[in-house]
Amino acid sequence: MSPEHLRGGPSSRGVFVPWCLSGAKFGMNVIGLMSGTSADGVDAALVDIQGDAARPALRLLAFETFPYPQGLRSRILTAASGGTTQEVCHLNAYLGELFAEAAMGIARRAGLPLSAVDLIGSHGQTIHHLPGARREGAHDVRSTLQIAAPAVIAERTGVTTVADFRPRDMAAGGEGAPLTPLVHYLLFAHPTRGRVVLNLGGIANVTILPIGADVAAVTGFDTGPANVLLDEFVRATDLADCGYDEGGRLAAVGRPVAELLEGLLDHPFIRRPPPKSTGRETFNPAFVSDFRQRLATTGHSELDGLATLAALTVQAVAINLRTFVLPHTAIQEIVVMGGGAENATLMRGLAEALPECAVVPSESLGVPGRAVEAMAFAALAYLTATGRPGNLPRVTGARDFRVLGCIVPRATYRGFAHD
């Protein structure tokens, strides 16, 4: 399938019409909902999306993070690491309620009635992600599970909801992640500057945007851990009451422990060629517990341990770019977003590790970094609703482009031919 297959959409009565033939333009107000590996709340973005035959344009109308109730994070992480099916079942419906409240909240913040919202795209909350094929009889099985029931979201809001984006890509042989590169292309591709878009969320991932590239040239992959290990280490050691290293100030006090860092960088995921994706299944509390035990044998401080994990994030990014990207792609800028962009120690480390590239926060290009992932799932929902693929096979390893997700229609839906 060629990139031309990205250009298609339905007519107002649900009949597929190729964009390149119809010349149509579709405008929608779409809410994107996302909770990442931090599992601490729902990021909600309301996005005005205007489509044309080449690429839809995204304009952020409002963004807010709606924190989870106290104690919910620990329940989610327990469910993700071996909880009961009863608890997972309950959390699926309960998170659906919270995601619906976030959708209603972001509409209120924007001063927009829900009746003016055309669509909701929900990533949900990842409970487990197993992109590596596991052989079962004659089948190579890849699996992923995101919860926050889209039926609850659609019922409470009255808005058609698209969710479960990752499984279709995995059914087509892909990793199901990362899915944000297509949206990074829409937001950051530049005619004269090669860019790497670096998201420092729980996991670090990169999108490669060559100079003047069209969508067929875009690649991307996870490079390794980011805030998932830093936050877990801070919580485990009680280094900060807030549970994270605000601004990277604590890591700045410590000094990386060279022998520990060398061992961490030998982790097989970090040096594995793309396509690749990872998550809490690999970089988790058990990983941090093992690291703390090894740190204790060195006599170094907990602040040195935190500095070592920060250096792991930075060096994993640098190793991956120097090995898999920079030898064949000219890159002038690294555009950083996610919570890690607010960590001065990480930003300083990136600038030192990759001096040939300008390291800039996405805000300098007019895009709030914390909003990008929620914006991405608004855009992915829009692509699904207009009949266009949301994955990039060069990124995920899927066999071909696929329209992603499952659609839960609003209560007044009367069938595809009549809606």
Protein backbone atom coordinates (compact mmCIF):
# COMPACT_ATOMS: atom_id res chain seq x y z
CA MET A 1 0.00 0.00 0.00
CA SER A 2 1.34 3.42 -0.90
CA PRO A 3 1.01 6.67 1.09
CA GLU A 4 -1.86 7.54 -1.27
CA HIS A 5 -3.93 5.16 0.86
CA LEU A 6 -3.67 7.73 3.63
CA ARG A 7 -5.96 9.88 1.54
CA GLY A 8 -9.51 8.71 1.86
CA GLY A 9 -12.63 9.46 3.84
CA PRO A 10 -16.35 8.92 4.09
CA SER A 11 -19.02 11.14 2.73
CA SER A 12 -21.50 12.60 5.19
CA ARG A 13 -23.70 9.51 4.67
CA GLY A 14 -20.98 6.98 5.37
CA VAL A 15 -19.99 6.00 1.82
CA PHE A 16 -16.24 5.82 1.26
CA VAL A 17 -15.00 8.47 -1.15
CA PRO A 18 -11.28 8.83 -2.01
CA TRP A 19 -10.05 12.27 -0.98
CA CYS A 20 -8.03 12.65 -4.11
CA LEU A 21 -11.23 12.24 -6.16
CA SER A 22 -13.72 14.10 -4.01
CA GLY A 23 -11.60 17.14 -3.15
CA ALA A 24 -13.58 17.19 0.09
CA LYS A 25 -12.52 18.84 3.32
CA PHE A 26 -13.73 17.64 6.68
CA GLY A 27 -13.53 19.66 9.88
CA MET A 28 -14.06 18.06 13.27
CA ASN A 29 -13.71 18.91 16.94
CA VAL A 30 -12.09 15.82 18.42
CA ILE A 31 -11.16 15.00 22.02
CA GLY A 32 -8.08 12.83 22.59
CA LEU A 33 -7.69 10.92 25.86
CA MET A 34 -4.50 9.26 27.06
CA SER A 35 -2.96 7.80 30.20
CA GLY A 36 0.63 6.67 29.96
CA THR A 37 3.01 4.46 31.89
CA SER A 38 2.99 6.87 34.82
CA ALA A 39 -0.66 5.85 35.39
CA ASP A 40 -1.35 9.01 37.36
CA GLY A 41 -4.18 10.62 35.42
CA VAL A 42 -5.91 11.27 32.11
CA ASP A 43 -4.43 13.71 29.61
CA ALA A 44 -7.25 15.29 27.62
CA ALA A 45 -6.88 17.45 24.51
CA LEU A 46 -9.59 19.10 22.45
CA VAL A 47 -8.35 19.50 18.90
CA ASP A 48 -9.79 21.26 15.87
CA ILE A 49 -8.89 19.06 12.89
CA GLN A 50 -9.28 20.34 9.37
CA GLY A 51 -8.65 17.77 6.66
CA ASP A 52 -7.58 18.02 3.05
CA ALA A 53 -6.17 15.64 0.49
CA ALA A 54 -2.58 16.07 1.61
CA ARG A 55 -2.68 16.06 5.42
CA PRO A 56 -5.06 17.18 8.17
CA ALA A 57 -4.12 20.28 10.16
CA LEU A 58 -4.30 20.10 13.97
CA ARG A 59 -5.09 23.07 16.20
CA LEU A 60 -5.12 22.61 19.96
CA LEU A 61 -8.13 24.26 21.59
CA ALA A 62 -7.61 23.08 25.18
CA PHE A 63 -5.48 20.67 27.20
CA GLU A 64 -5.61 19.50 30.79
CA THR A 65 -4.48 16.56 32.91
CA PHE A 66 -7.14 15.12 35.20
CA PRO A 67 -5.38 13.31 38.08
CA TYR A 68 -6.53 9.89 39.16
CA PRO A 69 -8.06 9.58 42.65
CA GLN A 70 -5.61 8.79 45.43
CA GLY A 71 -4.63 5.13 45.51
CA LEU A 72 -5.77 4.33 41.99
CA ARG A 73 -2.28 4.39 40.51
CA SER A 74 -1.09 1.61 42.79
CA ARG A 75 -4.18 -0.46 41.93
CA ILE A 76 -3.50 -0.06 38.21
CA LEU A 77 0.16 -1.04 38.57
CA THR A 78 -0.78 -4.04 40.69
CA ALA A 79 -3.33 -5.11 38.10
CA ALA A 80 -0.70 -4.70 35.38
CA SER A 81 1.86 -6.88 37.16
CA GLY A 82 -0.36 -9.78 38.18
CA GLY A 83 -3.71 -8.57 39.43
CA THR A 84 -6.91 -10.58 39.38
CA THR A 85 -9.22 -10.76 36.40
CA GLN A 86 -11.96 -9.42 38.69
CA GLU A 87 -9.95 -6.27 39.40
CA VAL A 88 -9.02 -5.76 35.74
CA CYS A 89 -12.67 -6.15 34.78
CA HIS A 90 -13.74 -3.61 37.38
CA LEU A 91 -10.97 -1.13 36.53
CA ASN A 92 -11.89 -1.30 32.84
CA ALA A 93 -15.35 0.07 33.58
CA TYR A 94 -14.22 2.46 36.33
CA LEU A 95 -11.53 4.02 34.15
CA GLY A 96 -14.14 4.39 31.44
CA GLU A 97 -16.05 6.60 33.87
CA LEU A 98 -12.94 8.66 34.64
CA PHE A 99 -12.03 9.03 30.98
CA ALA A 100 -15.59 10.19 30.26
CA GLU A 101 -15.33 12.75 33.06
CA ALA A 102 -12.06 13.98 31.55
CA ALA A 103 -13.73 14.37 28.14
CA MET A 104 -16.56 16.36 29.66
CA GLY A 105 -14.08 18.41 31.67
CA ILE A 106 -11.94 19.40 28.69
CA ALA A 107 -15.04 20.42 26.73
CA ARG A 108 -16.10 22.65 29.63
CA ARG A 109 -12.64 24.18 29.81
CA ALA A 110 -12.83 25.02 26.11
CA GLY A 111 -16.32 26.47 26.53
CA LEU A 112 -17.66 23.96 24.02
CA PRO A 113 -20.83 21.89 24.56
CA LEU A 114 -20.45 18.15 24.03
CA SER A 115 -22.95 18.45 21.21
CA ALA A 116 -20.25 20.36 19.31
CA VAL A 117 -17.71 17.53 19.78
CA ASP A 118 -17.72 15.21 16.79
CA LEU A 119 -15.52 12.41 18.05
CA ILE A 120 -13.49 11.08 20.97
CA GLY A 121 -10.28 9.08 20.57
CA SER A 122 -9.19 7.15 23.66
CA HIS A 123 -5.91 5.31 24.05
CA GLY A 124 -7.02 4.00 27.44
CA GLN A 125 -4.64 2.75 30.12
CA THR A 126 -2.17 0.05 29.14
CA ILE A 127 -2.28 -2.95 31.44
CA HIS A 128 0.07 -5.17 29.47
CA HIS A 129 1.88 -5.00 26.14
CA LEU A 130 3.54 -8.09 24.62
CA PRO A 131 4.71 -7.15 21.10
CA GLY A 132 7.04 -10.11 20.69
CA ALA A 133 5.38 -13.04 18.97
CA ARG A 134 4.60 -16.00 21.24
CA ARG A 135 4.07 -19.29 19.46
CA GLU A 136 0.78 -21.04 20.27
CA GLY A 137 0.20 -24.06 18.05
CA ALA A 138 0.17 -22.77 14.48
CA HIS A 139 -0.12 -19.12 15.55
CA ASP A 140 2.36 -16.36 16.33
CA VAL A 141 0.44 -14.39 18.94
CA ARG A 142 1.13 -10.73 19.73
CA SER A 143 -1.02 -9.14 22.41
CA THR A 144 -1.76 -5.89 24.16
CA LEU A 145 -4.43 -4.74 26.59
CA GLN A 146 -5.63 -1.19 27.20
CA ILE A 147 -8.55 -0.59 29.56
CA ALA A 148 -11.06 2.28 30.05
CA ALA A 149 -14.19 0.95 28.42
CA PRO A 150 -15.00 3.04 25.31
CA ALA A 151 -18.66 2.02 25.60
CA VAL A 152 -18.80 3.83 28.95
CA ILE A 153 -17.14 6.91 27.42
CA ALA A 154 -19.61 6.98 24.52
CA GLU A 155 -22.59 6.40 26.79
CA ARG A 156 -21.70 9.11 29.30
CA THR A 157 -20.69 11.74 26.75
CA GLY A 158 -23.06 10.94 23.90
CA VAL A 159 -20.09 11.18 21.52
CA THR A 160 -18.91 8.48 19.12
CA THR A 161 -15.70 7.03 20.59
CA VAL A 162 -12.78 5.31 18.87
CA ALA A 163 -10.47 3.15 21.01
CA ASP A 164 -8.28 0.00 20.96
CA PHE A 165 -5.88 1.38 18.36
CA ARG A 166 -2.93 -0.93 18.99
CA PRO A 167 -4.39 -4.43 18.40
CA ARG A 168 -5.07 -3.99 14.67
CA ASP A 169 -1.45 -3.12 13.96
CA MET A 170 -0.33 -6.12 16.02
CA ALA A 171 -2.77 -8.40 14.18
CA ALA A 172 -0.99 -7.27 11.02
CA GLY A 173 2.37 -8.36 12.45
CA GLY A 174 3.39 -5.03 13.99
CA GLU A 175 4.49 -4.04 17.47
CA GLY A 176 1.40 -1.88 18.02
CA ALA A 177 3.70 0.97 19.03
CA PRO A 178 4.74 3.64 18.74
CA LEU A 179 1.65 5.09 17.05
CA THR A 180 2.48 8.76 17.53
CA PRO A 181 4.99 9.13 14.62
CA LEU A 182 2.27 9.84 12.05
CA VAL A 183 1.03 12.71 14.20
CA HIS A 184 4.59 13.91 14.82
CA TYR A 185 4.88 14.11 11.04
CA LEU A 186 1.73 16.23 10.83
CA LEU A 187 2.98 18.59 13.54
CA PHE A 188 6.73 18.82 12.99
CA ALA A 189 7.85 17.78 9.49
CA HIS A 190 9.92 20.60 7.94
CA PRO A 191 10.98 21.28 4.34
CA THR A 192 14.58 22.29 5.15
CA ARG A 193 15.38 20.81 8.58
CA GLY A 194 15.76 17.18 9.54
CA ARG A 195 14.20 16.53 12.94
CA VAL A 196 14.05 13.85 15.56
CA VAL A 197 10.95 14.12 17.72
CA LEU A 198 11.83 12.71 21.14
CA ASN A 199 9.04 11.91 23.57
CA LEU A 200 10.36 11.49 27.11
CA GLY A 201 7.34 9.93 28.77
CA GLY A 202 7.54 6.81 30.86
CA ILE A 203 9.36 5.27 27.89
CA ALA A 204 11.52 7.28 25.50
CA ASN A 205 10.62 7.05 21.83
CA VAL A 206 11.83 8.83 18.72
CA THR A 207 10.27 9.77 15.39
CA ILE A 208 12.64 10.43 12.51
CA LEU A 209 11.57 13.19 10.10
CA PRO A 210 14.12 13.62 7.28
CA ILE A 211 14.40 16.96 5.49
CA GLY A 212 11.33 17.53 3.33
CA ALA A 213 10.14 13.98 3.95
CA ASP A 214 6.76 12.68 2.97
CA VAL A 215 5.01 10.22 5.23
CA ALA A 216 6.57 7.21 3.51
CA ALA A 217 10.02 8.23 4.81
CA VAL A 218 9.00 8.54 8.47
CA THR A 219 10.42 6.03 10.95
CA GLY A 220 10.35 5.73 14.71
CA PHE A 221 10.86 3.41 17.66
CA ASP A 222 11.30 3.21 21.44
CA THR A 223 14.85 3.75 22.66
CA GLY A 224 14.47 2.61 26.28
CA PRO A 225 13.29 3.81 29.68
CA ALA A 226 12.74 7.41 30.70
CA ASN A 227 10.51 8.64 33.53
CA VAL A 228 9.25 5.15 34.36
CA LEU A 229 12.53 4.28 36.11
CA LEU A 230 13.29 7.76 37.43
CA ASP A 231 9.88 8.09 39.09
CA GLU A 232 9.95 4.56 40.49
CA PHE A 233 13.41 5.12 41.98
CA VAL A 234 12.32 8.38 43.64
CA ARG A 235 9.24 6.71 45.12
CA ALA A 236 11.19 3.67 46.30
CA THR A 237 13.84 5.78 48.03
CA ASP A 238 11.55 8.57 49.32
CA LEU A 239 13.86 11.16 47.80
CA ALA A 240 10.94 13.54 47.19
CA ASP A 241 7.48 13.81 48.71
CA CYS A 242 5.96 14.53 45.30
CA GLY A 243 7.13 11.16 43.99
CA TYR A 244 9.30 12.43 41.16
CA ASP A 245 12.46 14.47 40.55
CA GLU A 246 10.98 17.90 39.88
CA GLY A 247 13.00 19.69 37.22
CA GLY A 248 15.77 17.07 37.49
CA ARG A 249 17.23 18.91 40.46
CA LEU A 250 17.96 15.77 42.51
CA ALA A 251 19.71 13.95 39.66
CA ALA A 252 21.82 17.07 39.09
CA VAL A 253 23.27 16.68 42.60
CA GLY A 254 24.37 13.09 42.05
CA ARG A 255 27.03 11.67 39.77
CA PRO A 256 26.49 8.68 37.48
CA VAL A 257 28.15 5.47 38.64
CA ALA A 258 30.19 4.41 35.61
CA GLU A 259 30.27 0.65 36.23
CA LEU A 260 26.52 0.51 36.85
CA LEU A 261 25.74 2.66 33.81
CA GLU A 262 27.87 0.45 31.59
CA GLY A 263 25.90 -2.59 32.71
CA LEU A 264 22.55 -0.88 32.19
CA LEU A 265 23.50 0.11 28.65
CA ASP A 266 24.20 -3.53 27.85
CA HIS A 267 20.50 -4.29 28.21
CA PRO A 268 19.51 -6.15 25.01
CA PHE A 269 16.56 -3.87 24.24
CA ILE A 270 18.70 -0.75 24.01
CA ARG A 271 20.94 -2.11 21.27
CA ARG A 272 18.26 -4.08 19.43
CA PRO A 273 17.55 -2.76 15.92
CA PRO A 274 14.11 -1.25 15.23
CA PRO A 275 11.22 -1.77 14.88
CA LYS A 276 10.94 -2.13 18.65
CA SER A 277 8.74 -1.07 21.53
CA THR A 278 8.82 -1.64 25.27
CA GLY A 279 7.07 -0.75 28.52
CA ARG A 280 6.59 -1.67 32.16
CA GLU A 281 6.80 -5.33 31.24
CA THR A 282 10.57 -4.79 30.99
CA PHE A 283 11.36 -1.57 32.89
CA ASN A 284 9.42 -1.88 36.13
CA PRO A 285 9.70 -1.89 39.96
CA ALA A 286 11.58 -5.20 39.85
CA PHE A 287 14.17 -3.60 37.55
CA VAL A 288 14.57 -0.71 39.99
CA SER A 289 14.80 -3.05 42.99
CA ASP A 290 17.60 -5.01 41.32
CA PHE A 291 19.37 -1.76 40.44
CA ARG A 292 19.14 -0.52 44.05
CA GLN A 293 20.70 -3.73 45.31
CA ARG A 294 23.63 -3.30 42.95
CA LEU A 295 23.92 0.36 43.88
CA ALA A 296 24.18 -0.57 47.56
CA THR A 297 27.23 -2.74 46.86
CA THR A 298 29.11 0.22 45.35
CA GLY A 299 28.83 2.52 48.36
CA HIS A 300 27.42 5.31 46.21
CA SER A 301 24.49 7.46 47.31
CA GLU A 302 20.88 7.26 46.21
CA LEU A 303 21.35 10.58 44.44
CA ASP A 304 24.17 8.96 42.45
CA GLY A 305 21.76 6.15 41.63
CA LEU A 306 19.18 8.62 40.33
CA ALA A 307 21.86 10.36 38.26
CA THR A 308 22.83 6.98 36.82
CA LEU A 309 19.27 6.26 35.71
CA ALA A 310 19.03 9.73 34.16
CA ALA A 311 22.25 9.03 32.28
CA LEU A 312 20.76 5.71 31.11
CA THR A 313 17.86 7.57 29.49
CA VAL A 314 20.18 10.04 27.77
CA GLN A 315 22.77 7.53 26.61
CA ALA A 316 20.14 5.07 25.35
CA VAL A 317 18.72 7.83 23.15
CA ALA A 318 22.21 8.79 21.94
CA ILE A 319 23.24 5.19 21.21
CA ASN A 320 20.10 4.52 19.21
CA LEU A 321 20.40 7.72 17.18
CA ARG A 322 24.11 7.22 16.49
CA THR A 323 23.61 3.58 15.55
CA PHE A 324 20.33 3.55 13.62
CA VAL A 325 19.67 7.13 12.44
CA LEU A 326 22.53 9.62 12.14
CA PRO A 327 24.77 7.52 9.84
CA HIS A 328 22.22 7.86 7.01
CA THR A 329 19.89 10.76 7.91
CA ALA A 330 20.84 14.42 8.33
CA ILE A 331 19.31 15.72 11.56
CA GLN A 332 19.55 19.36 12.68
CA GLU A 333 17.09 19.40 15.60
CA ILE A 334 15.88 17.14 18.37
CA VAL A 335 12.40 18.29 19.41
CA VAL A 336 11.70 17.11 22.96
CA MET A 337 8.32 16.64 24.62
CA GLY A 338 6.75 14.73 27.48
CA GLY A 339 7.42 15.10 31.18
CA GLY A 340 11.13 14.55 30.64
CA ALA A 341 11.36 17.78 28.66
CA GLU A 342 10.88 19.57 32.00
CA ASN A 343 13.85 17.70 33.50
CA ALA A 344 16.83 20.03 33.11
CA THR A 345 19.29 17.21 33.81
CA LEU A 346 17.95 15.16 30.92
CA MET A 347 17.86 18.15 28.56
CA ARG A 348 21.40 19.15 29.47
CA GLY A 349 22.58 15.56 29.06
CA LEU A 350 21.03 15.29 25.61
CA ALA A 351 22.70 18.50 24.47
CA GLU A 352 26.06 17.21 25.69
CA ALA A 353 25.62 13.72 24.24
CA LEU A 354 24.47 14.98 20.82
CA PRO A 355 26.23 18.33 20.31
CA GLU A 356 25.74 18.27 16.55
CA CYS A 357 21.98 18.68 17.01
CA ALA A 358 20.03 21.53 18.56
CA VAL A 359 17.94 20.17 21.45
CA VAL A 360 14.72 22.19 21.73
CA PRO A 361 11.45 21.76 23.62
CA SER A 362 8.36 21.41 21.45
CA GLU A 363 6.98 24.57 23.06
CA SER A 364 9.56 26.55 21.10
CA LEU A 365 7.73 25.37 17.96
CA GLY A 366 4.33 26.31 19.34
CA VAL A 367 3.21 22.86 20.50
CA PRO A 368 2.79 22.13 24.24
CA GLY A 369 4.79 18.98 24.85
CA ARG A 370 2.50 17.45 27.45
CA ALA A 371 -0.44 17.72 25.07
CA VAL A 372 1.05 15.90 22.09
CA GLU A 373 0.12 12.31 22.96
CA ALA A 374 -3.50 13.22 23.73
CA MET A 375 -3.55 15.21 20.48
CA ALA A 376 -2.20 12.12 18.72
CA PHE A 377 -5.16 9.97 19.74
CA ALA A 378 -7.56 12.69 18.68
CA ALA A 379 -5.89 12.64 15.28
CA LEU A 380 -5.81 8.83 15.10
CA ALA A 381 -9.55 8.75 15.86
CA TYR A 382 -10.10 11.27 13.08
CA LEU A 383 -8.12 9.14 10.64
CA THR A 384 -10.15 6.06 11.57
CA ALA A 385 -13.45 7.94 11.23
CA THR A 386 -12.42 9.20 7.80
CA GLY A 387 -11.28 5.79 6.60
CA ARG A 388 -7.54 6.37 6.65
CA PRO A 389 -4.76 4.30 8.22
CA GLY A 390 -3.14 5.43 11.46
CA ASN A 391 -0.09 3.18 11.58
CA LEU A 392 3.21 3.45 9.73
CA PRO A 393 4.55 -0.01 8.81
CA ARG A 394 8.14 1.27 8.72
CA VAL A 395 7.69 2.22 12.37
CA THR A 396 5.75 -0.69 13.82
CA GLY A 397 6.83 -3.50 11.50
CA ALA A 398 3.26 -4.24 10.38
CA ARG A 399 2.74 -5.87 7.00
CA ASP A 400 0.89 -2.86 5.62
CA PHE A 401 -1.08 0.27 6.44
CA ARG A 402 -4.19 -0.36 8.52
CA VAL A 403 -7.20 1.64 9.69
CA LEU A 404 -6.92 1.35 13.47
CA GLY A 405 -9.30 0.99 16.37
CA CYS A 406 -12.85 0.02 17.25
CA ILE A 407 -15.71 2.50 16.92
CA VAL A 408 -18.43 2.77 19.56
CA PRO A 409 -21.20 4.91 18.03
CA ARG A 410 -23.23 7.51 19.84
CA ALA A 411 -26.64 6.52 21.16
CA THR A 412 -28.50 8.04 18.18
CA TYR A 413 -26.58 6.01 15.60
CA ARG A 414 -29.02 4.46 13.07
CA GLY A 415 -26.69 2.35 11.00
CA PHE A 416 -23.79 3.07 8.69
CA ALA A 417 -25.93 3.87 5.65
CA HIS A 418 -28.07 6.40 7.53
CA ASP A 419 -25.81 8.05 10.12
